[in-house]
Protein backbone atom coordinates (compact mmCIF):
# COMPACT_ATOMS: atom_id res chain seq x y z
CA UNK A 1 -0.83 -1.91 5.28
CA UNK A 2 -1.61 -5.28 6.72
CA UNK A 3 -3.97 -7.89 5.24
CA UNK A 4 -6.92 -6.83 7.40
CA UNK A 5 -6.56 -3.21 6.30
CA UNK A 6 -6.34 -4.28 2.65
CA UNK A 7 -9.43 -6.48 3.02
CA UNK A 8 -11.38 -3.56 4.51
CA UNK A 9 -10.72 -1.22 1.56
CA UNK A 10 -13.68 -0.06 -0.56
CA UNK A 11 -14.05 -1.33 -4.15
CA UNK A 12 -12.41 1.80 -5.61
CA UNK A 13 -9.85 4.20 -4.17
CA UNK A 14 -8.82 7.76 -4.89
CA UNK A 15 -5.23 8.28 -5.99
CA UNK A 16 -3.82 9.24 -2.55
CA UNK A 17 -5.34 6.13 -0.94
CA UNK A 18 -4.03 3.90 -3.76
CA UNK A 19 -0.60 5.50 -3.35
CA UNK A 20 -0.69 4.64 0.34
CA UNK A 21 -1.43 1.00 -0.51
CA UNK A 22 1.68 0.91 -2.72
CA UNK A 23 3.76 2.86 -0.23
CA UNK A 24 4.47 5.76 -2.58
CA UNK A 25 3.76 9.49 -2.34
CA UNK A 26 0.66 11.05 -3.82
CA UNK A 27 2.65 13.29 -6.18
CA UNK A 28 4.38 10.29 -7.72
CA UNK A 29 1.05 8.47 -7.95
CA UNK A 30 -0.60 11.35 -9.82
CA UNK A 31 2.42 11.60 -12.10
CA UNK A 32 2.26 7.87 -12.92
CA UNK A 33 -1.46 8.17 -13.70
CA UNK A 34 -0.84 11.26 -15.85
CA UNK A 35 1.88 9.49 -17.84
CA UNK A 36 -0.21 6.33 -18.23
CA UNK A 37 2.32 4.34 -16.19
CA UNK A 38 0.13 3.42 -13.21
CA UNK A 39 0.48 -0.38 -12.86
CA UNK A 40 -3.25 -1.19 -12.62
CA UNK A 41 -6.41 -0.03 -14.41
CA UNK A 42 -7.41 3.59 -13.82
CA UNK A 43 -10.98 4.88 -14.07
CA UNK A 44 -11.49 8.43 -15.29
CA UNK A 45 -14.98 9.60 -14.34
CA UNK A 46 -15.24 13.21 -15.39
CA UNK A 47 -12.53 14.94 -13.38
CA UNK A 48 -12.39 12.09 -10.85
CA UNK A 49 -9.66 9.48 -10.97
CA UNK A 50 -10.46 6.19 -9.27
CA UNK A 51 -8.33 3.09 -8.86
CA UNK A 52 -10.11 -0.30 -8.56
CA UNK A 53 -8.92 -1.98 -5.37
CA UNK A 54 -8.90 -5.63 -6.49
CA UNK A 55 -6.21 -5.30 -9.20
CA UNK A 56 -4.13 -3.17 -6.84
CA UNK A 57 -4.23 -5.79 -4.11
CA UNK A 58 -3.52 -8.56 -6.66
CA UNK A 59 -0.48 -6.58 -7.81
CA UNK A 60 0.85 -6.89 -4.27
CA UNK A 61 0.25 -10.65 -4.30
CA UNK A 62 -1.95 -10.49 -1.23
CA UNK A 63 -4.95 -12.74 -0.74
CA UNK A 64 -7.62 -10.87 1.21
CA UNK A 65 -10.51 -13.31 0.99
CA UNK A 66 -11.31 -14.89 4.33
CA UNK A 67 -10.55 -18.58 4.70
CA UNK A 68 -13.08 -21.02 6.10
CA UNK A 69 -11.56 -22.16 9.38
CA UNK A 70 -14.83 -23.51 10.71
CA UNK A 71 -16.06 -27.06 10.70
CA UNK A 72 -17.54 -28.11 7.40
CA UNK A 73 -19.98 -30.95 6.93
């Protein structure tokens, strides 16, 4: 994924989408979550598993906030 794609991600991801961000398979991602070894916070909402995007992107060391390239007064 490039920086623009990372910046366009929603605030939370499902496990397959989070796995794609890390470049791993969904089976491994679910296994890491199950074992408590996923490298960022994991939200369990009933049967849903959601991964907050911001810590995931920070883990990659990518800055996705736009820079101000315009003229400032």
